[in-house]
Amino acid sequence: EFVTHLVPRSAFEAFANNEILQIVIFSVFFGAAAASFGPKAQTVIDWVEQVSHVMLKVTGFVMALAPIAVFAAMASIVTTQGLGILMIYGKFMGQFYLGILLLWVLLGIAGFIFLGPRVGRLINLIREPILLAFSTASSEAAYPKTLEQLERFGASKKIT
């Protein structure tokens, strides 16, 4: 069943159902087919690139409107559940941040094991992209800056 699940019945169905593995398989075949056409496929490649820029702009709009949507959702929940629900959410957020803190401590220890004292410089370089990714809940927004900072740290372009 796993192998049959790899191949999408329809690319649109894979996108609509957020089937990441199927989307990756489709993308690999699409890219290979486009590459086989050579320069004749440039129009399609340019179109796909423009669509990706449009989708990133749509993502930016959604991220800009997200605080309003969250406020509306919270207002709705408070009106139906009462103010006590905020205490439950507060406990959840506290546990979440504690988990994130523990993860960072473990990552720092692992980084120190592999990089030694240079881990401090790496953390300093990627601090801004990490804060951006955390505050927007979107690694996509921070990805270009992260790659730039990793190259400044000394990671080869092949790795990044």
Protein backbone atom coordinates (compact mmCIF):
# COMPACT_ATOMS: atom_id res chain seq x y z
CA GLU A 1 0.00 0.00 0.00
CA PHE A 2 2.91 2.37 0.72
CA VAL A 3 4.22 2.14 -2.84
CA THR A 4 0.78 2.72 -4.36
CA HIS A 5 0.32 5.70 -2.06
CA LEU A 6 3.49 7.32 -3.44
CA VAL A 7 1.96 7.95 -6.85
CA PRO A 8 -0.88 10.49 -6.85
CA ARG A 9 -4.03 9.76 -8.83
CA SER A 10 -4.06 13.45 -9.64
CA ALA A 11 -1.58 16.21 -8.92
CA PHE A 12 -4.47 18.47 -7.94
CA GLU A 13 -5.79 15.88 -5.50
CA ALA A 14 -2.33 15.55 -3.92
CA PHE A 15 -2.12 19.33 -3.48
CA ALA A 16 -5.69 19.59 -2.20
CA ASN A 17 -5.15 16.84 0.39
CA ASN A 18 -1.68 18.10 1.37
CA GLU A 19 -0.05 14.77 0.51
CA ILE A 20 3.54 15.95 0.81
CA LEU A 21 5.19 12.73 -0.38
CA GLN A 22 2.95 12.60 -3.46
CA ILE A 23 3.67 16.26 -4.17
CA VAL A 24 7.42 15.59 -3.96
CA ILE A 25 7.12 12.59 -6.32
CA PHE A 26 5.05 14.65 -8.76
CA SER A 27 7.56 17.50 -8.55
CA VAL A 28 10.50 15.20 -9.29
CA PHE A 29 8.78 13.78 -12.37
CA PHE A 30 7.65 17.24 -13.48
CA GLY A 31 11.17 18.63 -13.07
CA ALA A 32 12.72 15.69 -14.93
CA ALA A 33 10.23 16.07 -17.77
CA ALA A 34 10.86 19.82 -17.98
CA ALA A 35 14.62 19.28 -17.96
CA SER A 36 14.33 16.78 -20.81
CA PHE A 37 12.89 19.54 -23.03
CA GLY A 38 15.91 21.75 -22.44
CA PRO A 39 15.48 25.43 -23.37
CA LYS A 40 11.98 24.80 -24.77
CA ALA A 41 10.72 24.28 -21.20
CA GLN A 42 11.93 27.71 -20.05
CA THR A 43 8.46 29.25 -20.50
CA VAL A 44 6.93 26.65 -18.17
CA ILE A 45 9.76 27.05 -15.66
CA ASP A 46 9.34 30.84 -15.68
CA TRP A 47 5.58 30.45 -15.18
CA VAL A 48 6.06 28.07 -12.23
CA GLU A 49 8.56 30.50 -10.70
CA GLN A 50 6.09 33.38 -11.05
CA VAL A 51 3.33 31.26 -9.49
CA SER A 52 5.64 30.50 -6.55
CA HIS A 53 6.23 34.25 -6.06
CA VAL A 54 2.47 34.85 -6.12
CA MET A 55 1.94 32.07 -3.55
CA LEU A 56 4.61 33.58 -1.30
CA LYS A 57 2.81 36.93 -1.55
CA VAL A 58 -0.48 35.20 -0.63
CA THR A 59 1.31 33.63 2.34
CA GLY A 60 2.47 37.10 3.36
CA PHE A 61 -1.11 38.40 3.23
CA VAL A 62 -2.32 35.47 5.33
CA MET A 63 0.46 36.06 7.87
CA ALA A 64 -0.50 39.74 8.06
CA LEU A 65 -4.16 38.88 8.71
CA ALA A 66 -3.45 35.98 11.08
CA PRO A 67 -3.41 38.09 14.29
CA ILE A 68 -6.92 39.36 13.51
CA ALA A 69 -8.13 35.81 12.91
CA VAL A 70 -6.53 34.59 16.14
CA PHE A 71 -8.13 37.46 18.08
CA ALA A 72 -11.53 36.63 16.58
CA ALA A 73 -11.13 32.93 17.40
CA MET A 74 -10.08 33.72 20.98
CA ALA A 75 -12.99 36.13 21.41
CA SER A 76 -15.38 33.46 20.19
CA ILE A 77 -13.97 30.84 22.57
CA VAL A 78 -13.99 33.20 25.56
CA THR A 79 -17.62 34.14 24.90
CA THR A 80 -18.70 30.50 24.75
CA GLN A 81 -16.36 28.96 27.38
CA GLY A 82 -15.80 31.84 29.78
CA LEU A 83 -12.60 33.49 31.02
CA GLY A 84 -11.42 30.26 32.69
CA ILE A 85 -10.38 28.95 29.29
CA LEU A 86 -7.58 31.52 29.25
CA MET A 87 -6.02 29.81 32.30
CA ILE A 88 -6.02 26.49 30.45
CA TYR A 89 -4.42 28.14 27.42
CA GLY A 90 -1.89 29.84 29.70
CA LYS A 91 -0.84 26.49 31.21
CA PHE A 92 -0.56 25.01 27.74
CA MET A 93 1.61 27.89 26.52
CA GLY A 94 3.82 27.62 29.61
CA GLN A 95 4.39 23.92 28.97
CA PHE A 96 5.02 24.62 25.30
CA TYR A 97 7.68 27.25 26.06
CA LEU A 98 9.28 24.97 28.65
CA GLY A 99 9.50 22.25 25.99
CA ILE A 100 11.06 24.69 23.53
CA LEU A 101 13.58 25.79 26.18
CA LEU A 102 14.55 22.18 26.92
CA LEU A 103 14.92 21.51 23.20
CA TRP A 104 17.24 24.51 22.83
CA VAL A 105 19.35 23.38 25.78
CA LEU A 106 19.72 19.92 24.22
CA LEU A 107 20.50 21.43 20.80
CA GLY A 108 23.10 23.70 22.41
CA ILE A 109 24.76 20.73 24.09
CA ALA A 110 24.74 18.75 20.83
CA GLY A 111 26.11 21.77 18.99
CA PHE A 112 28.89 22.16 21.54
CA ILE A 113 29.80 18.48 21.17
CA PHE A 114 30.15 18.82 17.38
CA LEU A 115 31.30 22.44 16.99
CA GLY A 116 32.96 23.23 20.28
CA PRO A 117 33.02 26.90 21.25
CA ARG A 118 32.04 27.92 17.69
CA VAL A 119 28.44 27.00 18.56
CA GLY A 120 28.12 30.40 20.26
CA ARG A 121 29.01 32.19 17.03
CA LEU A 122 26.54 30.01 15.07
CA ILE A 123 23.72 30.75 17.50
CA ASN A 124 24.54 34.46 17.32
CA LEU A 125 24.44 34.38 13.50
CA ILE A 126 21.13 32.51 13.22
CA ARG A 127 19.42 34.27 16.13
CA GLU A 128 17.56 36.75 13.89
CA PRO A 129 16.19 34.17 11.42
CA ILE A 130 15.14 31.92 14.30
CA LEU A 131 13.25 34.75 15.98
CA LEU A 132 11.60 35.59 12.66
CA ALA A 133 10.57 31.96 12.11
CA PHE A 134 9.29 31.67 15.67
CA SER A 135 7.36 34.93 15.67
CA THR A 136 5.71 34.26 12.30
CA ALA A 137 5.36 30.49 12.85
CA SER A 138 6.76 30.17 9.33
CA SER A 139 10.19 28.81 8.56
CA GLU A 140 9.62 29.87 4.95
CA ALA A 141 9.95 33.53 5.89
CA ALA A 142 13.29 32.93 7.61
CA TYR A 143 14.79 30.45 5.14
CA PRO A 144 16.74 32.85 2.88
CA LYS A 145 18.30 34.69 5.82
CA THR A 146 19.16 31.38 7.51
CA LEU A 147 21.02 30.19 4.41
CA GLU A 148 22.90 33.48 4.22
CA GLN A 149 23.95 33.28 7.86
CA LEU A 150 25.01 29.63 7.55
CA GLU A 151 27.26 30.59 4.64
CA ARG A 152 28.73 33.41 6.78
CA PHE A 153 29.39 30.79 9.46
CA GLY A 154 31.39 28.76 6.96
CA ALA A 155 28.97 26.09 5.77
CA SER A 156 29.58 25.34 2.12
CA LYS A 157 27.02 26.39 -0.48
CA LYS A 158 26.63 22.70 -1.37
CA ILE A 159 25.41 21.93 2.15
CA THR A 160 23.17 24.95 2.49
